[in-house]
All heavy atoms as atom14 arrays in JSON, in Angstrom:
{
  "sequence": "YGCGVIGSLLVHTLCRAGNEVTVVSKGAWGD",
  "atom14_mask": [
    [1, 1, 1, 1, 1, 1, 1, 1, 1, 1, 1, 1, 0, 0],
    [1, 1, 1, 1, 0, 0, 0, 0, 0, 0, 0, 0, 0, 0],
    [1, 1, 1, 1, 1, 1, 0, 0, 0, 0, 0, 0, 0, 0],
    [1, 1, 1, 1, 0, 0, 0, 0, 0, 0, 0, 0, 0, 0],
    [1, 1, 1, 1, 1, 1, 1, 0, 0, 0, 0, 0, 0, 0],
    [1, 1, 1, 1, 1, 1, 1, 1, 0, 0, 0, 0, 0, 0],
    [1, 1, 1, 1, 0, 0, 0, 0, 0, 0, 0, 0, 0, 0],
    [1, 1, 1, 1, 1, 1, 0, 0, 0, 0, 0, 0, 0, 0],
    [1, 1, 1, 1, 1, 1, 1, 1, 0, 0, 0, 0, 0, 0],
    [1, 1, 1, 1, 1, 1, 1, 1, 0, 0, 0, 0, 0, 0],
    [1, 1, 1, 1, 1, 1, 1, 0, 0, 0, 0, 0, 0, 0],
    [1, 1, 1, 1, 1, 1, 1, 1, 1, 1, 0, 0, 0, 0],
    [1, 1, 1, 1, 1, 1, 1, 0, 0, 0, 0, 0, 0, 0],
    [1, 1, 1, 1, 1, 1, 1, 1, 0, 0, 0, 0, 0, 0],
    [1, 1, 1, 1, 1, 1, 0, 0, 0, 0, 0, 0, 0, 0],
    [1, 1, 1, 1, 1, 1, 1, 1, 1, 1, 1, 0, 0, 0],
    [1, 1, 1, 1, 1, 0, 0, 0, 0, 0, 0, 0, 0, 0],
    [1, 1, 1, 1, 0, 0, 0, 0, 0, 0, 0, 0, 0, 0],
    [1, 1, 1, 1, 1, 1, 1, 1, 0, 0, 0, 0, 0, 0],
    [1, 1, 1, 1, 1, 1, 1, 1, 1, 0, 0, 0, 0, 0],
    [1, 1, 1, 1, 1, 1, 1, 0, 0, 0, 0, 0, 0, 0],
    [1, 1, 1, 1, 1, 1, 1, 0, 0, 0, 0, 0, 0, 0],
    [1, 1, 1, 1, 1, 1, 1, 0, 0, 0, 0, 0, 0, 0],
    [1, 1, 1, 1, 1, 1, 1, 0, 0, 0, 0, 0, 0, 0],
    [1, 1, 1, 1, 1, 1, 0, 0, 0, 0, 0, 0, 0, 0],
    [1, 1, 1, 1, 1, 1, 1, 1, 1, 0, 0, 0, 0, 0],
    [1, 1, 1, 1, 0, 0, 0, 0, 0, 0, 0, 0, 0, 0],
    [1, 1, 1, 1, 1, 0, 0, 0, 0, 0, 0, 0, 0, 0],
    [1, 1, 1, 1, 1, 1, 1, 1, 1, 1, 1, 1, 1, 1],
    [1, 1, 1, 1, 0, 0, 0, 0, 0, 0, 0, 0, 0, 0],
    [1, 1, 1, 1, 1, 1, 1, 1, 0, 0, 0, 0, 0, 0]
  ],
  "atom14_positions": [
    [[52.93, 113.54, 42.59], [53.63, 112.92, 43.7], [55.04, 113.51, 43.74], [55.76, 113.49, 42.74], [53.73, 111.41, 43.51], [52.56, 110.63, 44.04], [51.37, 110.55, 43.33], [52.65, 109.95, 45.26], [50.3, 109.83, 43.82], [51.58, 109.23, 45.75], [50.41, 109.17, 45.03], [49.34, 108.45, 45.52], [0.0, 0.0, 0.0], [0.0, 0.0, 0.0]],
    [[55.44, 114.06, 44.88], [56.78, 114.61, 45.01], [56.79, 116.11, 44.81], [56.44, 116.6, 43.74], [0.0, 0.0, 0.0], [0.0, 0.0, 0.0], [0.0, 0.0, 0.0], [0.0, 0.0, 0.0], [0.0, 0.0, 0.0], [0.0, 0.0, 0.0], [0.0, 0.0, 0.0], [0.0, 0.0, 0.0], [0.0, 0.0, 0.0], [0.0, 0.0, 0.0]],
    [[57.19, 116.83, 45.86], [57.18, 118.3, 45.78], [58.47, 118.85, 46.39], [58.44, 119.72, 47.26], [55.95, 118.85, 46.49], [55.56, 120.57, 46.03], [0.0, 0.0, 0.0], [0.0, 0.0, 0.0], [0.0, 0.0, 0.0], [0.0, 0.0, 0.0], [0.0, 0.0, 0.0], [0.0, 0.0, 0.0], [0.0, 0.0, 0.0], [0.0, 0.0, 0.0]],
    [[59.61, 118.3, 45.92], [60.9, 118.86, 46.29], [61.18, 120.05, 45.39], [60.26, 120.72, 44.92], [0.0, 0.0, 0.0], [0.0, 0.0, 0.0], [0.0, 0.0, 0.0], [0.0, 0.0, 0.0], [0.0, 0.0, 0.0], [0.0, 0.0, 0.0], [0.0, 0.0, 0.0], [0.0, 0.0, 0.0], [0.0, 0.0, 0.0], [0.0, 0.0, 0.0]],
    [[62.45, 120.31, 45.11], [62.8, 121.46, 44.27], [62.21, 121.3, 42.88], [61.56, 122.21, 42.35], [64.33, 121.63, 44.19], [64.69, 122.71, 43.18], [64.89, 121.98, 45.56], [0.0, 0.0, 0.0], [0.0, 0.0, 0.0], [0.0, 0.0, 0.0], [0.0, 0.0, 0.0], [0.0, 0.0, 0.0], [0.0, 0.0, 0.0], [0.0, 0.0, 0.0]],
    [[62.42, 120.14, 42.27], [61.94, 119.92, 40.9], [60.42, 119.88, 40.87], [59.77, 120.53, 40.05], [62.54, 118.63, 40.33], [64.06, 118.78, 40.22], [61.94, 118.31, 38.96], [64.78, 117.51, 39.83], [0.0, 0.0, 0.0], [0.0, 0.0, 0.0], [0.0, 0.0, 0.0], [0.0, 0.0, 0.0], [0.0, 0.0, 0.0], [0.0, 0.0, 0.0]],
    [[59.84, 119.12, 41.79], [58.39, 119.02, 41.84], [57.73, 120.35, 42.15], [56.64, 120.64, 41.65], [0.0, 0.0, 0.0], [0.0, 0.0, 0.0], [0.0, 0.0, 0.0], [0.0, 0.0, 0.0], [0.0, 0.0, 0.0], [0.0, 0.0, 0.0], [0.0, 0.0, 0.0], [0.0, 0.0, 0.0], [0.0, 0.0, 0.0], [0.0, 0.0, 0.0]],
    [[58.38, 121.18, 42.95], [57.79, 122.48, 43.32], [57.64, 123.38, 42.1], [56.61, 124.02, 41.91], [58.65, 123.17, 44.38], [58.59, 122.47, 45.6], [0.0, 0.0, 0.0], [0.0, 0.0, 0.0], [0.0, 0.0, 0.0], [0.0, 0.0, 0.0], [0.0, 0.0, 0.0], [0.0, 0.0, 0.0], [0.0, 0.0, 0.0], [0.0, 0.0, 0.0]],
    [[58.71, 123.44, 41.26], [58.6, 124.27, 40.06], [57.52, 123.72, 39.13], [56.76, 124.48, 38.53], [59.93, 124.34, 39.33], [59.91, 125.17, 38.04], [59.58, 126.62, 38.33], [61.22, 125.05, 37.27], [0.0, 0.0, 0.0], [0.0, 0.0, 0.0], [0.0, 0.0, 0.0], [0.0, 0.0, 0.0], [0.0, 0.0, 0.0], [0.0, 0.0, 0.0]],
    [[57.44, 122.4, 39.03], [56.42, 121.79, 38.18], [55.03, 122.12, 38.69], [54.14, 122.52, 37.92], [56.62, 120.28, 38.13], [55.62, 119.5, 37.27], [55.7, 119.92, 35.81], [55.86, 117.99, 37.4], [0.0, 0.0, 0.0], [0.0, 0.0, 0.0], [0.0, 0.0, 0.0], [0.0, 0.0, 0.0], [0.0, 0.0, 0.0], [0.0, 0.0, 0.0]],
    [[54.81, 121.99, 40.0], [53.5, 122.29, 40.58], [53.15, 123.77, 40.37], [52.01, 124.11, 40.0], [53.48, 121.94, 42.08], [52.22, 122.5, 42.75], [53.54, 120.43, 42.27], [0.0, 0.0, 0.0], [0.0, 0.0, 0.0], [0.0, 0.0, 0.0], [0.0, 0.0, 0.0], [0.0, 0.0, 0.0], [0.0, 0.0, 0.0], [0.0, 0.0, 0.0]],
    [[54.13, 124.65, 40.58], [53.91, 126.07, 40.35], [53.47, 126.34, 38.91], [52.53, 127.09, 38.66], [55.19, 126.85, 40.66], [55.23, 128.23, 40.09], [54.41, 129.25, 40.55], [55.97, 128.76, 39.07], [54.66, 130.35, 39.86], [55.59, 130.09, 38.95], [0.0, 0.0, 0.0], [0.0, 0.0, 0.0], [0.0, 0.0, 0.0], [0.0, 0.0, 0.0]],
    [[54.15, 125.69, 37.96], [53.82, 125.89, 36.55], [52.44, 125.37, 36.22], [51.66, 126.02, 35.51], [54.87, 125.18, 35.67], [56.17, 125.64, 36.02], [54.61, 125.46, 34.19], [0.0, 0.0, 0.0], [0.0, 0.0, 0.0], [0.0, 0.0, 0.0], [0.0, 0.0, 0.0], [0.0, 0.0, 0.0], [0.0, 0.0, 0.0], [0.0, 0.0, 0.0]],
    [[52.11, 124.2, 36.75], [50.79, 123.62, 36.5], [49.67, 124.48, 37.09], [48.62, 124.65, 36.48], [50.73, 122.2, 37.09], [51.68, 121.17, 36.47], [51.67, 119.88, 37.27], [51.29, 120.9, 35.01], [0.0, 0.0, 0.0], [0.0, 0.0, 0.0], [0.0, 0.0, 0.0], [0.0, 0.0, 0.0], [0.0, 0.0, 0.0], [0.0, 0.0, 0.0]],
    [[49.92, 125.04, 38.27], [48.92, 125.93, 38.88], [48.77, 127.2, 38.06], [47.65, 127.71, 37.86], [49.33, 126.28, 40.31], [49.2, 124.92, 41.5], [0.0, 0.0, 0.0], [0.0, 0.0, 0.0], [0.0, 0.0, 0.0], [0.0, 0.0, 0.0], [0.0, 0.0, 0.0], [0.0, 0.0, 0.0], [0.0, 0.0, 0.0], [0.0, 0.0, 0.0]],
    [[49.89, 127.74, 37.57], [49.86, 128.97, 36.79], [49.06, 128.81, 35.5], [48.48, 129.76, 34.99], [51.29, 129.42, 36.47], [51.38, 130.85, 35.96], [52.81, 131.33, 35.86], [53.49, 130.74, 34.73], [54.56, 129.96, 34.82], [55.04, 129.66, 36.01], [55.14, 129.47, 33.74], [0.0, 0.0, 0.0], [0.0, 0.0, 0.0], [0.0, 0.0, 0.0]],
    [[49.01, 127.56, 35.01], [48.26, 127.28, 33.79], [46.76, 127.18, 34.05], [45.98, 126.99, 33.11], [48.77, 126.0, 33.14], [0.0, 0.0, 0.0], [0.0, 0.0, 0.0], [0.0, 0.0, 0.0], [0.0, 0.0, 0.0], [0.0, 0.0, 0.0], [0.0, 0.0, 0.0], [0.0, 0.0, 0.0], [0.0, 0.0, 0.0], [0.0, 0.0, 0.0]],
    [[46.36, 127.28, 35.31], [44.94, 127.22, 35.64], [44.42, 125.82, 35.87], [43.19, 125.62, 35.91], [0.0, 0.0, 0.0], [0.0, 0.0, 0.0], [0.0, 0.0, 0.0], [0.0, 0.0, 0.0], [0.0, 0.0, 0.0], [0.0, 0.0, 0.0], [0.0, 0.0, 0.0], [0.0, 0.0, 0.0], [0.0, 0.0, 0.0], [0.0, 0.0, 0.0]],
    [[45.32, 124.84, 36.03], [44.89, 123.47, 36.28], [44.45, 123.28, 37.73], [44.85, 124.04, 38.63], [46.04, 122.51, 35.98], [46.47, 122.55, 34.52], [45.71, 122.21, 33.63], [47.71, 122.98, 34.28], [0.0, 0.0, 0.0], [0.0, 0.0, 0.0], [0.0, 0.0, 0.0], [0.0, 0.0, 0.0], [0.0, 0.0, 0.0], [0.0, 0.0, 0.0]],
    [[43.68, 122.25, 37.97], [43.31, 121.85, 39.33], [44.34, 120.81, 39.78], [44.29, 119.66, 39.38], [41.9, 121.24, 39.34], [41.41, 120.86, 40.72], [40.03, 120.23, 40.7], [39.27, 120.51, 39.75], [39.72, 119.46, 41.63], [0.0, 0.0, 0.0], [0.0, 0.0, 0.0], [0.0, 0.0, 0.0], [0.0, 0.0, 0.0], [0.0, 0.0, 0.0]],
    [[45.29, 121.25, 40.62], [46.45, 120.43, 40.96], [46.3, 119.86, 42.37], [46.05, 120.58, 43.33], [47.75, 121.25, 40.87], [48.96, 120.36, 41.18], [47.89, 121.87, 39.47], [0.0, 0.0, 0.0], [0.0, 0.0, 0.0], [0.0, 0.0, 0.0], [0.0, 0.0, 0.0], [0.0, 0.0, 0.0], [0.0, 0.0, 0.0], [0.0, 0.0, 0.0]],
    [[46.49, 118.54, 42.47], [46.49, 117.86, 43.76], [47.88, 117.28, 44.01], [48.4, 116.53, 43.18], [45.46, 116.73, 43.81], [44.14, 117.27, 43.63], [45.52, 115.99, 45.14], [0.0, 0.0, 0.0], [0.0, 0.0, 0.0], [0.0, 0.0, 0.0], [0.0, 0.0, 0.0], [0.0, 0.0, 0.0], [0.0, 0.0, 0.0], [0.0, 0.0, 0.0]],
    [[48.49, 117.64, 45.15], [49.81, 117.15, 45.52], [49.67, 116.13, 46.64], [49.0, 116.39, 47.65], [50.72, 118.31, 45.98], [52.07, 117.78, 46.48], [50.93, 119.31, 44.86], [0.0, 0.0, 0.0], [0.0, 0.0, 0.0], [0.0, 0.0, 0.0], [0.0, 0.0, 0.0], [0.0, 0.0, 0.0], [0.0, 0.0, 0.0], [0.0, 0.0, 0.0]],
    [[50.29, 114.97, 46.47], [50.32, 113.97, 47.54], [51.64, 114.15, 48.29], [52.72, 113.95, 47.72], [50.2, 112.55, 46.99], [50.32, 111.53, 48.14], [48.87, 112.36, 46.27], [0.0, 0.0, 0.0], [0.0, 0.0, 0.0], [0.0, 0.0, 0.0], [0.0, 0.0, 0.0], [0.0, 0.0, 0.0], [0.0, 0.0, 0.0], [0.0, 0.0, 0.0]],
    [[51.56, 114.55, 49.54], [52.75, 114.77, 50.37], [52.47, 114.25, 51.77], [51.57, 114.75, 52.45], [53.11, 116.26, 50.4], [54.3, 116.49, 51.12], [0.0, 0.0, 0.0], [0.0, 0.0, 0.0], [0.0, 0.0, 0.0], [0.0, 0.0, 0.0], [0.0, 0.0, 0.0], [0.0, 0.0, 0.0], [0.0, 0.0, 0.0], [0.0, 0.0, 0.0]],
    [[53.26, 113.26, 52.21], [52.92, 112.55, 53.44], [53.69, 113.02, 54.66], [53.37, 112.66, 55.78], [53.16, 111.05, 53.24], [52.37, 110.47, 52.07], [52.68, 109.0, 51.85], [51.91, 108.47, 50.65], [52.17, 107.04, 50.38], [0.0, 0.0, 0.0], [0.0, 0.0, 0.0], [0.0, 0.0, 0.0], [0.0, 0.0, 0.0], [0.0, 0.0, 0.0]],
    [[54.74, 113.79, 54.49], [55.57, 114.2, 55.62], [55.25, 115.59, 56.14], [54.2, 116.17, 55.87], [0.0, 0.0, 0.0], [0.0, 0.0, 0.0], [0.0, 0.0, 0.0], [0.0, 0.0, 0.0], [0.0, 0.0, 0.0], [0.0, 0.0, 0.0], [0.0, 0.0, 0.0], [0.0, 0.0, 0.0], [0.0, 0.0, 0.0], [0.0, 0.0, 0.0]],
    [[56.23, 116.15, 56.88], [56.07, 117.48, 57.46], [55.93, 118.55, 56.38], [55.27, 119.57, 56.59], [57.26, 117.79, 58.36], [0.0, 0.0, 0.0], [0.0, 0.0, 0.0], [0.0, 0.0, 0.0], [0.0, 0.0, 0.0], [0.0, 0.0, 0.0], [0.0, 0.0, 0.0], [0.0, 0.0, 0.0], [0.0, 0.0, 0.0], [0.0, 0.0, 0.0]],
    [[56.54, 118.3, 55.22], [56.43, 119.26, 54.13], [54.98, 119.44, 53.7], [54.57, 120.53, 53.3], [57.31, 118.82, 52.97], [57.33, 119.77, 51.81], [56.94, 119.51, 50.53], [57.8, 121.12, 51.8], [57.12, 120.6, 49.73], [57.64, 121.62, 50.47], [58.32, 121.97, 52.77], [57.99, 122.91, 50.12], [58.68, 123.27, 52.41], [58.51, 123.73, 51.1]],
    [[54.21, 118.37, 53.77], [52.79, 118.47, 53.43], [52.06, 119.43, 54.35], [51.17, 120.18, 53.92], [0.0, 0.0, 0.0], [0.0, 0.0, 0.0], [0.0, 0.0, 0.0], [0.0, 0.0, 0.0], [0.0, 0.0, 0.0], [0.0, 0.0, 0.0], [0.0, 0.0, 0.0], [0.0, 0.0, 0.0], [0.0, 0.0, 0.0], [0.0, 0.0, 0.0]],
    [[52.43, 119.43, 55.64], [51.82, 120.38, 56.59], [52.17, 121.81, 56.21], [51.33, 122.71, 56.3], [52.31, 120.09, 58.01], [51.85, 118.73, 58.51], [50.78, 118.27, 58.06], [52.56, 118.14, 59.35], [0.0, 0.0, 0.0], [0.0, 0.0, 0.0], [0.0, 0.0, 0.0], [0.0, 0.0, 0.0], [0.0, 0.0, 0.0], [0.0, 0.0, 0.0]]
  ]
}
């Protein structure tokens, strides 16, 4: 939950590790 600056780097790192990552984003950023 949360994909701002901090969340974005975290999501990038988790994806790079080969995890199956699901991001919950409800606003325009989700689009």
